[in-house]
Amino acid sequence: MTDCVFCKIAAKEVPTKLVYEDRDVVAFEDLNPRASLHVLVIPRRHVESLAKLDDAALAGKLTLVAAKIAKDAGHGDNFRVVVNNGAGAGQSVFHVHFHVLGGRAFSWPPG
């Protein structure tokens, strides 16, 4: 068993509120939401970061699932997808994950 909490969530070893799942991707509500919609989209298989994601089909699927989640939640025209890569960029769990945020106005630049 791995120590990666997102791997444990994908394996259903840690309970969470799943929003979406298929054989490649899992999406679940963020425990510390920054908007009324804040869902994390992850691959089931462990990939440490976006920089290490070398599977174009999986990258595309993560992106399509992110858009589907926003649309299904009623935010299909106004949502943000954020991917932090590396500790210096704010990545705190080293399993690639897309934050899907919606339901409020966002400013630019972020952070």
N, C-alpha and C. Protein backbone atom coordinates (compact mmCIF):
# COMPACT_ATOMS: atom_id res chain seq x y z
N MET A 1 0.85 -1.18 0.00
CA MET A 1 0.00 0.00 0.00
C MET A 1 0.89 1.24 0.00
N THR A 2 0.48 2.24 -0.73
CA THR A 2 1.24 3.48 -0.87
C THR A 2 0.88 4.47 0.24
N ASP A 3 1.75 5.44 0.46
CA ASP A 3 1.48 6.49 1.43
C ASP A 3 0.77 7.68 0.80
N CYS A 4 0.62 7.70 -0.51
CA CYS A 4 0.00 8.82 -1.20
C CYS A 4 -1.51 8.83 -0.93
N VAL A 5 -1.99 9.90 -0.31
CA VAL A 5 -3.40 9.97 0.05
C VAL A 5 -4.30 9.92 -1.18
N PHE A 6 -3.88 10.51 -2.29
CA PHE A 6 -4.72 10.47 -3.50
C PHE A 6 -4.76 9.07 -4.09
N CYS A 7 -3.67 8.31 -3.99
CA CYS A 7 -3.70 6.91 -4.43
C CYS A 7 -4.68 6.12 -3.56
N LYS A 8 -4.69 6.42 -2.27
CA LYS A 8 -5.62 5.74 -1.36
C LYS A 8 -7.07 6.11 -1.66
N ILE A 9 -7.31 7.36 -2.02
CA ILE A 9 -8.66 7.78 -2.41
C ILE A 9 -9.07 7.06 -3.69
N ALA A 10 -8.17 7.01 -4.68
CA ALA A 10 -8.47 6.33 -5.94
C ALA A 10 -8.77 4.85 -5.73
N ALA A 11 -8.09 4.25 -4.75
CA ALA A 11 -8.30 2.83 -4.44
C ALA A 11 -9.46 2.61 -3.48
N LYS A 12 -10.12 3.68 -3.08
CA LYS A 12 -11.25 3.65 -2.14
C LYS A 12 -10.85 3.13 -0.76
N GLU A 13 -9.60 3.39 -0.38
CA GLU A 13 -9.12 3.04 0.95
C GLU A 13 -9.36 4.18 1.92
N VAL A 14 -9.60 5.37 1.39
CA VAL A 14 -9.90 6.55 2.20
C VAL A 14 -11.26 7.07 1.72
N PRO A 15 -12.22 7.20 2.62
CA PRO A 15 -13.54 7.67 2.19
C PRO A 15 -13.51 9.14 1.78
N THR A 16 -14.26 9.44 0.74
CA THR A 16 -14.39 10.82 0.26
C THR A 16 -15.67 10.92 -0.54
N LYS A 17 -16.08 12.13 -0.85
CA LYS A 17 -17.28 12.34 -1.66
C LYS A 17 -16.88 12.34 -3.13
N LEU A 18 -17.06 11.19 -3.79
CA LEU A 18 -16.73 11.08 -5.20
C LEU A 18 -17.76 11.83 -6.04
N VAL A 19 -17.27 12.54 -7.04
CA VAL A 19 -18.11 13.28 -7.97
C VAL A 19 -18.14 12.55 -9.32
N TYR A 20 -17.04 11.84 -9.63
CA TYR A 20 -16.91 11.16 -10.90
C TYR A 20 -15.87 10.07 -10.75
N GLU A 21 -16.07 8.95 -11.46
CA GLU A 21 -15.03 7.94 -11.54
C GLU A 21 -15.23 7.08 -12.77
N ASP A 22 -14.12 6.66 -13.34
CA ASP A 22 -14.11 5.66 -14.39
C ASP A 22 -12.82 4.85 -14.19
N ARG A 23 -12.44 4.07 -15.18
CA ARG A 23 -11.28 3.20 -14.95
C ARG A 23 -9.96 3.96 -14.87
N ASP A 24 -9.92 5.21 -15.39
CA ASP A 24 -8.67 5.97 -15.42
C ASP A 24 -8.63 7.17 -14.49
N VAL A 25 -9.79 7.72 -14.16
CA VAL A 25 -9.87 9.02 -13.49
C VAL A 25 -10.85 8.96 -12.32
N VAL A 26 -10.53 9.70 -11.27
CA VAL A 26 -11.40 9.87 -10.11
C VAL A 26 -11.49 11.36 -9.83
N ALA A 27 -12.67 11.82 -9.45
CA ALA A 27 -12.85 13.22 -9.06
C ALA A 27 -13.62 13.25 -7.75
N PHE A 28 -13.21 14.15 -6.87
CA PHE A 28 -13.83 14.23 -5.55
C PHE A 28 -13.77 15.66 -5.03
N GLU A 29 -14.66 15.94 -4.08
CA GLU A 29 -14.73 17.28 -3.51
C GLU A 29 -13.49 17.59 -2.68
N ASP A 30 -12.98 18.81 -2.82
CA ASP A 30 -11.84 19.26 -2.03
C ASP A 30 -12.27 19.42 -0.58
N LEU A 31 -11.42 19.01 0.34
CA LEU A 31 -11.74 19.13 1.77
C LEU A 31 -11.68 20.57 2.27
N ASN A 32 -10.99 21.44 1.53
CA ASN A 32 -10.84 22.84 1.92
C ASN A 32 -11.25 23.70 0.72
N PRO A 33 -12.55 23.73 0.40
CA PRO A 33 -12.97 24.39 -0.84
C PRO A 33 -12.70 25.89 -0.87
N ARG A 34 -12.32 26.38 -2.06
CA ARG A 34 -12.05 27.81 -2.29
C ARG A 34 -13.14 28.46 -3.13
N ALA A 35 -14.17 27.68 -3.46
CA ALA A 35 -15.32 28.17 -4.23
C ALA A 35 -16.46 27.19 -3.98
N SER A 36 -17.67 27.57 -4.39
CA SER A 36 -18.80 26.66 -4.16
C SER A 36 -18.61 25.35 -4.92
N LEU A 37 -17.95 25.40 -6.07
CA LEU A 37 -17.51 24.18 -6.76
C LEU A 37 -16.00 24.13 -6.61
N HIS A 38 -15.50 23.10 -5.95
CA HIS A 38 -14.06 22.87 -5.85
C HIS A 38 -13.85 21.36 -5.80
N VAL A 39 -13.54 20.81 -6.95
CA VAL A 39 -13.37 19.37 -7.12
C VAL A 39 -11.95 19.11 -7.60
N LEU A 40 -11.37 18.02 -7.12
CA LEU A 40 -10.05 17.59 -7.58
C LEU A 40 -10.23 16.43 -8.54
N VAL A 41 -9.56 16.50 -9.68
CA VAL A 41 -9.60 15.46 -10.69
C VAL A 41 -8.20 14.84 -10.74
N ILE A 42 -8.13 13.52 -10.54
CA ILE A 42 -6.83 12.82 -10.48
C ILE A 42 -6.85 11.58 -11.36
N PRO A 43 -5.67 11.18 -11.83
CA PRO A 43 -5.59 9.87 -12.47
C PRO A 43 -5.57 8.78 -11.40
N ARG A 44 -6.14 7.63 -11.72
CA ARG A 44 -6.07 6.51 -10.76
C ARG A 44 -4.63 6.06 -10.53
N ARG A 45 -3.86 6.02 -11.62
CA ARG A 45 -2.46 5.60 -11.45
C ARG A 45 -1.63 6.78 -10.94
N HIS A 46 -0.64 6.47 -10.17
CA HIS A 46 0.18 7.52 -9.57
C HIS A 46 1.07 8.18 -10.61
N VAL A 47 0.92 9.49 -10.73
CA VAL A 47 1.81 10.36 -11.50
C VAL A 47 2.13 11.51 -10.57
N GLU A 48 3.40 11.73 -10.29
CA GLU A 48 3.80 12.68 -9.27
C GLU A 48 3.38 14.12 -9.55
N SER A 49 3.50 14.57 -10.80
CA SER A 49 3.23 15.98 -11.10
C SER A 49 2.86 16.13 -12.57
N LEU A 50 2.38 17.30 -12.93
CA LEU A 50 2.06 17.57 -14.33
C LEU A 50 3.30 17.43 -15.21
N ALA A 51 4.44 17.86 -14.70
CA ALA A 51 5.69 17.76 -15.47
C ALA A 51 6.07 16.31 -15.76
N LYS A 52 5.57 15.39 -14.96
CA LYS A 52 5.88 13.97 -15.16
C LYS A 52 4.75 13.21 -15.84
N LEU A 53 3.69 13.91 -16.21
CA LEU A 53 2.57 13.29 -16.92
C LEU A 53 2.95 13.18 -18.39
N ASP A 54 3.27 11.96 -18.83
CA ASP A 54 3.76 11.75 -20.20
C ASP A 54 2.78 10.97 -21.07
N ASP A 55 1.54 10.89 -20.64
CA ASP A 55 0.50 10.15 -21.36
C ASP A 55 -0.52 11.17 -21.88
N ALA A 56 -0.43 11.46 -23.19
CA ALA A 56 -1.30 12.48 -23.78
C ALA A 56 -2.77 12.13 -23.65
N ALA A 57 -3.10 10.87 -23.81
CA ALA A 57 -4.51 10.46 -23.69
C ALA A 57 -5.02 10.69 -22.28
N LEU A 58 -4.22 10.37 -21.28
CA LEU A 58 -4.63 10.58 -19.90
C LEU A 58 -4.74 12.08 -19.59
N ALA A 59 -3.79 12.87 -20.08
CA ALA A 59 -3.85 14.32 -19.88
C ALA A 59 -5.11 14.89 -20.48
N GLY A 60 -5.44 14.45 -21.68
CA GLY A 60 -6.67 14.90 -22.32
C GLY A 60 -7.91 14.48 -21.56
N LYS A 61 -7.90 13.27 -21.06
CA LYS A 61 -9.05 12.77 -20.31
C LYS A 61 -9.25 13.56 -19.02
N LEU A 62 -8.16 13.88 -18.32
CA LEU A 62 -8.26 14.69 -17.10
C LEU A 62 -8.90 16.04 -17.42
N THR A 63 -8.50 16.63 -18.54
CA THR A 63 -9.03 17.93 -18.94
C THR A 63 -10.51 17.83 -19.31
N LEU A 64 -10.88 16.80 -20.05
CA LEU A 64 -12.28 16.63 -20.44
C LEU A 64 -13.17 16.35 -19.23
N VAL A 65 -12.67 15.57 -18.28
CA VAL A 65 -13.43 15.30 -17.06
C VAL A 65 -13.60 16.59 -16.25
N ALA A 66 -12.56 17.41 -16.19
CA ALA A 66 -12.66 18.69 -15.48
C ALA A 66 -13.77 19.54 -16.08
N ALA A 67 -13.82 19.63 -17.40
CA ALA A 67 -14.86 20.42 -18.07
C ALA A 67 -16.24 19.82 -17.83
N LYS A 68 -16.36 18.51 -17.85
CA LYS A 68 -17.64 17.84 -17.61
C LYS A 68 -18.15 18.13 -16.19
N ILE A 69 -17.26 18.09 -15.23
CA ILE A 69 -17.66 18.35 -13.85
C ILE A 69 -18.18 19.78 -13.72
N ALA A 70 -17.48 20.73 -14.31
CA ALA A 70 -17.94 22.13 -14.26
C ALA A 70 -19.30 22.27 -14.93
N LYS A 71 -19.46 21.66 -16.09
CA LYS A 71 -20.72 21.74 -16.82
C LYS A 71 -21.85 21.10 -16.01
N ASP A 72 -21.61 19.90 -15.49
CA ASP A 72 -22.64 19.18 -14.72
C ASP A 72 -23.05 19.94 -13.47
N ALA A 73 -22.13 20.75 -12.94
CA ALA A 73 -22.42 21.54 -11.73
C ALA A 73 -23.05 22.89 -12.07
N GLY A 74 -23.30 23.14 -13.36
CA GLY A 74 -23.93 24.39 -13.77
C GLY A 74 -22.97 25.54 -14.01
N HIS A 75 -21.68 25.23 -14.13
CA HIS A 75 -20.66 26.27 -14.32
C HIS A 75 -19.90 26.08 -15.62
N GLY A 76 -20.54 25.47 -16.62
CA GLY A 76 -19.85 25.14 -17.87
C GLY A 76 -19.30 26.31 -18.64
N ASP A 77 -19.85 27.51 -18.42
CA ASP A 77 -19.36 28.69 -19.15
C ASP A 77 -18.37 29.51 -18.33
N ASN A 78 -18.28 29.26 -17.03
CA ASN A 78 -17.42 30.06 -16.15
C ASN A 78 -16.82 29.18 -15.07
N PHE A 79 -15.61 28.71 -15.32
CA PHE A 79 -14.92 27.92 -14.32
C PHE A 79 -13.42 28.07 -14.52
N ARG A 80 -12.67 27.66 -13.53
CA ARG A 80 -11.20 27.73 -13.59
C ARG A 80 -10.65 26.34 -13.29
N VAL A 81 -9.60 25.98 -14.01
CA VAL A 81 -8.86 24.75 -13.75
C VAL A 81 -7.44 25.15 -13.38
N VAL A 82 -6.98 24.66 -12.23
CA VAL A 82 -5.64 25.02 -11.74
C VAL A 82 -4.86 23.73 -11.51
N VAL A 83 -3.62 23.72 -11.97
CA VAL A 83 -2.70 22.61 -11.69
C VAL A 83 -1.42 23.21 -11.17
N ASN A 84 -1.08 22.89 -9.94
CA ASN A 84 0.18 23.34 -9.34
C ASN A 84 1.23 22.27 -9.61
N ASN A 85 2.41 22.68 -10.04
CA ASN A 85 3.48 21.74 -10.35
C ASN A 85 4.71 22.06 -9.51
N GLY A 86 4.95 21.24 -8.52
CA GLY A 86 6.11 21.43 -7.65
C GLY A 86 5.79 22.25 -6.42
N ALA A 87 6.57 22.05 -5.38
CA ALA A 87 6.34 22.72 -4.11
C ALA A 87 6.37 24.24 -4.24
N GLY A 88 7.26 24.76 -5.07
CA GLY A 88 7.36 26.21 -5.25
C GLY A 88 6.13 26.82 -5.90
N ALA A 89 5.35 26.00 -6.58
CA ALA A 89 4.12 26.48 -7.22
C ALA A 89 2.88 26.18 -6.37
N GLY A 90 3.10 25.60 -5.20
CA GLY A 90 1.99 25.34 -4.30
C GLY A 90 1.48 23.91 -4.28
N GLN A 91 2.14 22.99 -4.99
CA GLN A 91 1.70 21.60 -4.95
C GLN A 91 2.04 21.02 -3.60
N SER A 92 1.02 20.53 -2.89
CA SER A 92 1.25 19.97 -1.55
C SER A 92 1.02 18.47 -1.50
N VAL A 93 0.30 17.92 -2.46
CA VAL A 93 0.15 16.46 -2.58
C VAL A 93 0.79 16.09 -3.90
N PHE A 94 1.79 15.22 -3.85
CA PHE A 94 2.57 14.92 -5.03
C PHE A 94 1.99 13.73 -5.80
N HIS A 95 0.79 13.99 -6.28
CA HIS A 95 0.04 13.15 -7.22
C HIS A 95 -0.69 14.17 -8.08
N VAL A 96 -0.43 14.19 -9.38
CA VAL A 96 -1.00 15.24 -10.22
C VAL A 96 -2.50 15.34 -9.99
N HIS A 97 -2.97 16.58 -9.87
CA HIS A 97 -4.41 16.80 -9.67
C HIS A 97 -4.80 18.16 -10.25
N PHE A 98 -5.98 18.16 -10.84
CA PHE A 98 -6.56 19.37 -11.41
C PHE A 98 -7.60 19.89 -10.44
N HIS A 99 -7.49 21.14 -10.03
CA HIS A 99 -8.53 21.78 -9.22
C HIS A 99 -9.55 22.36 -10.20
N VAL A 100 -10.80 22.01 -10.04
CA VAL A 100 -11.88 22.58 -10.85
C VAL A 100 -12.68 23.49 -9.92
N LEU A 101 -12.69 24.79 -10.21
CA LEU A 101 -13.33 25.77 -9.35
C LEU A 101 -14.39 26.53 -10.13
N GLY A 102 -15.53 26.79 -9.49
CA GLY A 102 -16.58 27.56 -10.11
C GLY A 102 -17.54 28.09 -9.07
N GLY A 103 -18.42 28.99 -9.50
CA GLY A 103 -19.43 29.50 -8.60
C GLY A 103 -19.10 30.83 -7.96
N ARG A 104 -17.99 31.43 -8.38
CA ARG A 104 -17.65 32.77 -7.90
C ARG A 104 -16.78 33.44 -8.94
N ALA A 105 -16.60 34.75 -8.81
CA ALA A 105 -15.72 35.48 -9.72
C ALA A 105 -14.26 35.24 -9.31
N PHE A 106 -13.40 35.14 -10.29
CA PHE A 106 -11.96 34.94 -10.05
C PHE A 106 -11.21 36.14 -10.60
N SER A 107 -10.12 36.50 -9.95
CA SER A 107 -9.31 37.62 -10.44
C SER A 107 -8.08 37.08 -11.16
N TRP A 108 -7.41 37.99 -11.86
CA TRP A 108 -6.18 37.63 -12.56
C TRP A 108 -5.14 38.68 -12.27
N PRO A 109 -3.92 38.34 -11.98
CA PRO A 109 -3.44 36.96 -11.91
C PRO A 109 -3.85 36.30 -10.60
N PRO A 110 -3.92 34.96 -10.61
CA PRO A 110 -4.27 34.25 -9.37
C PRO A 110 -3.17 34.37 -8.35
N GLY A 111 -3.50 34.10 -7.11
CA GLY A 111 -2.49 34.09 -6.05
C GLY A 111 -2.15 35.47 -5.66
